[in-house]
Amino acid sequence: MVLLENDAFLTELTRLFQKCRTSGSVVITLKKYDGRTKPVPKKGQSESFEPADNKCLLRASDGKKKISTVAYSNLLRAHIDGLKKKDKKSKSKKTKATQ
């Protein structure tokens, strides 16, 4: 997996989308990233680690090529405005029907 800067990541992501336009798919994952490169210790050891900034790890893959970048969550929140929210009404109707 290649860790890229934000601008290079967007360029490569655009190339992946164009490559997979006719056939194939691109998988994008997003998860909270605290800056650690080693796993969290087990219960026996208590080590407090407070990240200074909220970061997100973005990964994209077309099955052959994998790319990733680290971005700040407040930057993502400011620029991601076209997403649709989940419709919670349909979930409540299903629970009433099963009871």
N, C-alpha and C. Protein backbone atom coordinates (compact mmCIF):
# COMPACT_ATOMS: atom_id res chain seq x y z
N MET A 1 0.85 -1.16 0.00
CA MET A 1 0.00 0.00 0.00
C MET A 1 0.90 1.23 0.00
N VAL A 2 0.53 2.19 -0.81
CA VAL A 2 1.32 3.40 -0.97
C VAL A 2 0.65 4.54 -0.21
N LEU A 3 1.38 5.17 0.72
CA LEU A 3 0.88 6.31 1.47
C LEU A 3 1.26 7.57 0.72
N LEU A 4 0.25 8.32 0.26
CA LEU A 4 0.47 9.50 -0.57
C LEU A 4 0.05 10.77 0.14
N GLU A 5 0.52 11.91 -0.35
CA GLU A 5 0.03 13.20 0.10
C GLU A 5 -1.40 13.37 -0.42
N ASN A 6 -2.15 14.32 0.14
CA ASN A 6 -3.56 14.47 -0.21
C ASN A 6 -3.78 14.76 -1.70
N ASP A 7 -3.00 15.68 -2.28
CA ASP A 7 -3.19 16.02 -3.69
C ASP A 7 -2.84 14.85 -4.61
N ALA A 8 -1.76 14.16 -4.30
CA ALA A 8 -1.37 13.00 -5.10
C ALA A 8 -2.40 11.88 -4.97
N PHE A 9 -2.98 11.72 -3.77
CA PHE A 9 -4.01 10.72 -3.56
C PHE A 9 -5.23 11.00 -4.44
N LEU A 10 -5.67 12.26 -4.48
CA LEU A 10 -6.83 12.62 -5.30
C LEU A 10 -6.55 12.39 -6.78
N THR A 11 -5.34 12.67 -7.22
CA THR A 11 -4.96 12.43 -8.62
C THR A 11 -5.02 10.94 -8.94
N GLU A 12 -4.43 10.13 -8.07
CA GLU A 12 -4.44 8.68 -8.29
C GLU A 12 -5.85 8.09 -8.18
N LEU A 13 -6.65 8.64 -7.28
CA LEU A 13 -8.03 8.18 -7.14
C LEU A 13 -8.83 8.48 -8.41
N THR A 14 -8.60 9.62 -9.00
CA THR A 14 -9.24 9.96 -10.28
C THR A 14 -8.84 8.98 -11.36
N ARG A 15 -7.57 8.61 -11.39
CA ARG A 15 -7.10 7.62 -12.38
C ARG A 15 -7.76 6.26 -12.16
N LEU A 16 -7.90 5.87 -10.87
CA LEU A 16 -8.57 4.60 -10.58
C LEU A 16 -10.02 4.62 -11.05
N PHE A 17 -10.72 5.72 -10.80
CA PHE A 17 -12.12 5.84 -11.23
C PHE A 17 -12.22 5.76 -12.75
N GLN A 18 -11.34 6.43 -13.47
CA GLN A 18 -11.37 6.41 -14.93
C GLN A 18 -11.05 5.02 -15.47
N LYS A 19 -10.12 4.34 -14.83
CA LYS A 19 -9.72 3.00 -15.26
C LYS A 19 -10.86 2.00 -15.06
N CYS A 20 -11.61 2.14 -13.97
CA CYS A 20 -12.67 1.20 -13.64
C CYS A 20 -14.05 1.65 -14.12
N ARG A 21 -14.11 2.67 -14.96
CA ARG A 21 -15.39 3.19 -15.43
C ARG A 21 -16.15 2.17 -16.26
N THR A 22 -15.48 1.46 -17.15
CA THR A 22 -16.16 0.51 -18.02
C THR A 22 -16.42 -0.83 -17.32
N SER A 23 -15.45 -1.31 -16.57
CA SER A 23 -15.65 -2.56 -15.84
C SER A 23 -14.79 -2.55 -14.60
N GLY A 24 -15.31 -3.12 -13.55
CA GLY A 24 -14.59 -3.16 -12.30
C GLY A 24 -15.17 -2.20 -11.28
N SER A 25 -14.55 -2.15 -10.12
CA SER A 25 -15.04 -1.27 -9.07
C SER A 25 -13.87 -0.74 -8.25
N VAL A 26 -14.13 0.35 -7.54
CA VAL A 26 -13.15 0.94 -6.65
C VAL A 26 -13.73 0.90 -5.24
N VAL A 27 -12.98 0.37 -4.30
CA VAL A 27 -13.41 0.28 -2.92
C VAL A 27 -12.69 1.36 -2.12
N ILE A 28 -13.47 2.20 -1.41
CA ILE A 28 -12.89 3.26 -0.60
C ILE A 28 -13.30 3.01 0.85
N THR A 29 -12.31 3.05 1.74
CA THR A 29 -12.58 2.89 3.17
C THR A 29 -12.05 4.12 3.91
N LEU A 30 -12.68 4.42 5.03
CA LEU A 30 -12.32 5.56 5.85
C LEU A 30 -12.36 5.11 7.30
N LYS A 31 -11.30 5.40 8.04
CA LYS A 31 -11.32 5.03 9.45
C LYS A 31 -10.52 6.04 10.26
N LYS A 32 -10.81 6.10 11.54
CA LYS A 32 -10.12 7.01 12.45
C LYS A 32 -8.67 6.57 12.57
N TYR A 33 -7.77 7.54 12.56
CA TYR A 33 -6.34 7.25 12.61
C TYR A 33 -5.73 8.11 13.70
N ASP A 34 -5.07 7.49 14.66
CA ASP A 34 -4.49 8.24 15.77
C ASP A 34 -2.99 8.44 15.65
N GLY A 35 -2.40 8.04 14.55
CA GLY A 35 -0.98 8.28 14.33
C GLY A 35 -0.08 7.15 14.79
N ARG A 36 -0.64 6.12 15.35
CA ARG A 36 0.18 5.00 15.81
C ARG A 36 0.61 4.14 14.65
N THR A 37 1.80 3.59 14.76
CA THR A 37 2.28 2.64 13.77
C THR A 37 2.38 1.24 14.37
N LYS A 38 2.19 1.15 15.70
CA LYS A 38 2.23 -0.13 16.38
C LYS A 38 0.86 -0.40 17.00
N PRO A 39 0.50 -1.66 17.22
CA PRO A 39 -0.81 -1.97 17.82
C PRO A 39 -0.91 -1.48 19.26
N VAL A 40 -2.14 -1.35 19.73
CA VAL A 40 -2.42 -0.91 21.10
C VAL A 40 -2.02 -2.03 22.05
N PRO A 41 -1.32 -1.72 23.16
CA PRO A 41 -0.94 -2.76 24.11
C PRO A 41 -2.14 -3.39 24.80
N LYS A 42 -1.97 -4.60 25.30
CA LYS A 42 -3.03 -5.32 26.01
C LYS A 42 -3.32 -4.66 27.35
N LYS A 43 -4.25 -5.25 28.12
CA LYS A 43 -4.71 -4.69 29.39
C LYS A 43 -3.60 -4.52 30.43
N GLY A 44 -2.61 -5.37 30.44
CA GLY A 44 -1.58 -5.33 31.46
C GLY A 44 -0.77 -4.04 31.48
N GLN A 45 -0.63 -3.41 30.35
CA GLN A 45 0.15 -2.18 30.27
C GLN A 45 -0.77 -1.01 30.01
N SER A 46 -0.67 0.00 30.84
CA SER A 46 -1.51 1.19 30.63
C SER A 46 -0.63 2.31 30.11
N GLU A 47 -0.88 2.69 28.89
CA GLU A 47 -0.12 3.75 28.26
C GLU A 47 -1.12 4.73 27.67
N SER A 48 -1.10 5.96 28.15
CA SER A 48 -2.06 6.93 27.65
C SER A 48 -1.47 7.63 26.43
N PHE A 49 -2.24 7.67 25.37
CA PHE A 49 -1.81 8.31 24.13
C PHE A 49 -2.95 9.18 23.64
N GLU A 50 -2.75 10.46 23.62
CA GLU A 50 -3.78 11.40 23.17
C GLU A 50 -3.31 12.07 21.88
N PRO A 51 -3.95 11.79 20.77
CA PRO A 51 -3.54 12.46 19.54
C PRO A 51 -3.91 13.95 19.60
N ALA A 52 -3.06 14.77 19.00
CA ALA A 52 -3.30 16.21 19.02
C ALA A 52 -4.45 16.60 18.09
N ASP A 53 -4.53 15.96 16.95
CA ASP A 53 -5.57 16.28 15.96
C ASP A 53 -6.33 15.03 15.59
N ASN A 54 -7.58 15.22 15.17
CA ASN A 54 -8.36 14.09 14.68
C ASN A 54 -7.98 13.84 13.24
N LYS A 55 -7.48 12.65 12.96
CA LYS A 55 -7.06 12.30 11.61
C LYS A 55 -7.87 11.12 11.12
N CYS A 56 -8.00 11.02 9.80
CA CYS A 56 -8.69 9.91 9.15
C CYS A 56 -7.75 9.27 8.15
N LEU A 57 -7.80 7.96 8.08
CA LEU A 57 -7.03 7.21 7.10
C LEU A 57 -7.96 6.83 5.97
N LEU A 58 -7.66 7.31 4.77
CA LEU A 58 -8.45 7.00 3.58
C LEU A 58 -7.69 5.99 2.75
N ARG A 59 -8.37 4.92 2.36
CA ARG A 59 -7.77 3.89 1.52
C ARG A 59 -8.65 3.66 0.30
N ALA A 60 -8.02 3.41 -0.83
CA ALA A 60 -8.75 3.10 -2.06
C ALA A 60 -8.03 1.96 -2.77
N SER A 61 -8.81 1.07 -3.37
CA SER A 61 -8.24 -0.07 -4.06
C SER A 61 -9.15 -0.49 -5.20
N ASP A 62 -8.52 -0.93 -6.30
CA ASP A 62 -9.29 -1.50 -7.40
C ASP A 62 -9.07 -3.01 -7.50
N GLY A 63 -8.47 -3.58 -6.49
CA GLY A 63 -8.18 -5.00 -6.48
C GLY A 63 -6.73 -5.28 -6.83
N LYS A 64 -6.12 -4.43 -7.64
CA LYS A 64 -4.73 -4.60 -8.03
C LYS A 64 -3.84 -3.54 -7.40
N LYS A 65 -4.31 -2.32 -7.39
CA LYS A 65 -3.53 -1.20 -6.89
C LYS A 65 -4.18 -0.64 -5.64
N LYS A 66 -3.38 -0.39 -4.60
CA LYS A 66 -3.88 0.16 -3.35
C LYS A 66 -3.18 1.49 -3.08
N ILE A 67 -3.97 2.49 -2.70
CA ILE A 67 -3.42 3.79 -2.33
C ILE A 67 -4.06 4.24 -1.02
N SER A 68 -3.36 5.11 -0.29
CA SER A 68 -3.91 5.60 0.97
C SER A 68 -3.34 6.98 1.27
N THR A 69 -4.03 7.70 2.16
CA THR A 69 -3.58 9.00 2.63
C THR A 69 -4.14 9.25 4.02
N VAL A 70 -3.54 10.20 4.72
CA VAL A 70 -4.03 10.62 6.03
C VAL A 70 -4.54 12.04 5.88
N ALA A 71 -5.77 12.28 6.35
CA ALA A 71 -6.38 13.61 6.24
C ALA A 71 -6.96 14.00 7.59
N TYR A 72 -7.09 15.29 7.80
CA TYR A 72 -7.69 15.79 9.03
C TYR A 72 -9.20 15.77 8.90
N SER A 73 -9.88 15.31 9.95
CA SER A 73 -11.32 15.12 9.88
C SER A 73 -12.07 16.44 9.72
N ASN A 74 -11.58 17.54 10.32
CA ASN A 74 -12.28 18.81 10.15
C ASN A 74 -12.16 19.32 8.72
N LEU A 75 -11.07 19.00 8.03
CA LEU A 75 -10.94 19.35 6.62
C LEU A 75 -11.93 18.56 5.78
N LEU A 76 -12.11 17.25 6.10
CA LEU A 76 -13.07 16.43 5.37
C LEU A 76 -14.49 16.92 5.60
N ARG A 77 -14.82 17.26 6.85
CA ARG A 77 -16.16 17.74 7.16
C ARG A 77 -16.48 19.02 6.42
N ALA A 78 -15.49 19.86 6.22
CA ALA A 78 -15.72 21.14 5.54
C ALA A 78 -15.99 20.95 4.05
N HIS A 79 -15.41 19.91 3.44
CA HIS A 79 -15.51 19.76 1.99
C HIS A 79 -16.41 18.63 1.53
N ILE A 80 -16.86 17.76 2.41
CA ILE A 80 -17.77 16.70 2.01
C ILE A 80 -19.18 17.16 2.35
N ASP A 81 -19.88 17.67 1.34
CA ASP A 81 -21.21 18.18 1.59
C ASP A 81 -22.26 17.54 0.69
N GLY A 82 -21.87 16.68 -0.23
CA GLY A 82 -22.82 16.09 -1.15
C GLY A 82 -23.34 14.73 -0.71
N LEU A 83 -23.00 14.29 0.48
CA LEU A 83 -23.43 12.97 0.94
C LEU A 83 -24.86 13.02 1.45
N LYS A 84 -25.57 11.93 1.25
CA LYS A 84 -26.95 11.84 1.72
C LYS A 84 -26.97 11.19 3.09
N LYS A 85 -27.86 11.66 3.95
CA LYS A 85 -28.01 11.06 5.27
C LYS A 85 -28.91 9.84 5.17
N LYS A 86 -28.74 8.90 6.10
CA LYS A 86 -29.57 7.70 6.13
C LYS A 86 -31.00 8.06 6.51
N ASP A 87 -31.94 7.33 5.94
CA ASP A 87 -33.34 7.53 6.27
C ASP A 87 -33.67 6.63 7.46
N LYS A 88 -33.88 7.24 8.61
CA LYS A 88 -34.14 6.48 9.83
C LYS A 88 -35.58 6.05 9.97
N LYS A 89 -36.47 6.58 9.15
CA LYS A 89 -37.89 6.23 9.23
C LYS A 89 -38.12 4.78 8.82
N SER A 90 -37.42 4.33 7.80
CA SER A 90 -37.63 2.95 7.35
C SER A 90 -37.17 1.95 8.40
N LYS A 91 -36.17 2.28 9.19
CA LYS A 91 -35.69 1.38 10.23
C LYS A 91 -36.73 1.25 11.34
N SER A 92 -37.39 2.34 11.70
CA SER A 92 -38.38 2.27 12.77
C SER A 92 -39.63 1.51 12.32
N LYS A 93 -39.98 1.58 11.04
CA LYS A 93 -41.13 0.85 10.54
C LYS A 93 -40.87 -0.66 10.60
N LYS A 94 -39.64 -1.07 10.30
CA LYS A 94 -39.31 -2.48 10.33
C LYS A 94 -39.39 -3.05 11.75
N THR A 95 -38.95 -2.28 12.74
CA THR A 95 -38.99 -2.78 14.10
C THR A 95 -40.43 -2.88 14.61
N LYS A 96 -41.31 -1.99 14.20
CA LYS A 96 -42.72 -2.06 14.61
C LYS A 96 -43.41 -3.24 13.96
N ALA A 97 -43.04 -3.56 12.72
CA ALA A 97 -43.67 -4.66 12.02
C ALA A 97 -43.28 -6.00 12.61
N THR A 98 -42.08 -6.11 13.15
CA THR A 98 -41.64 -7.39 13.70
C THR A 98 -42.16 -7.63 15.10
N GLN A 99 -42.60 -6.61 15.80
CA GLN A 99 -43.06 -6.79 17.18
C GLN A 99 -44.46 -7.27 17.27
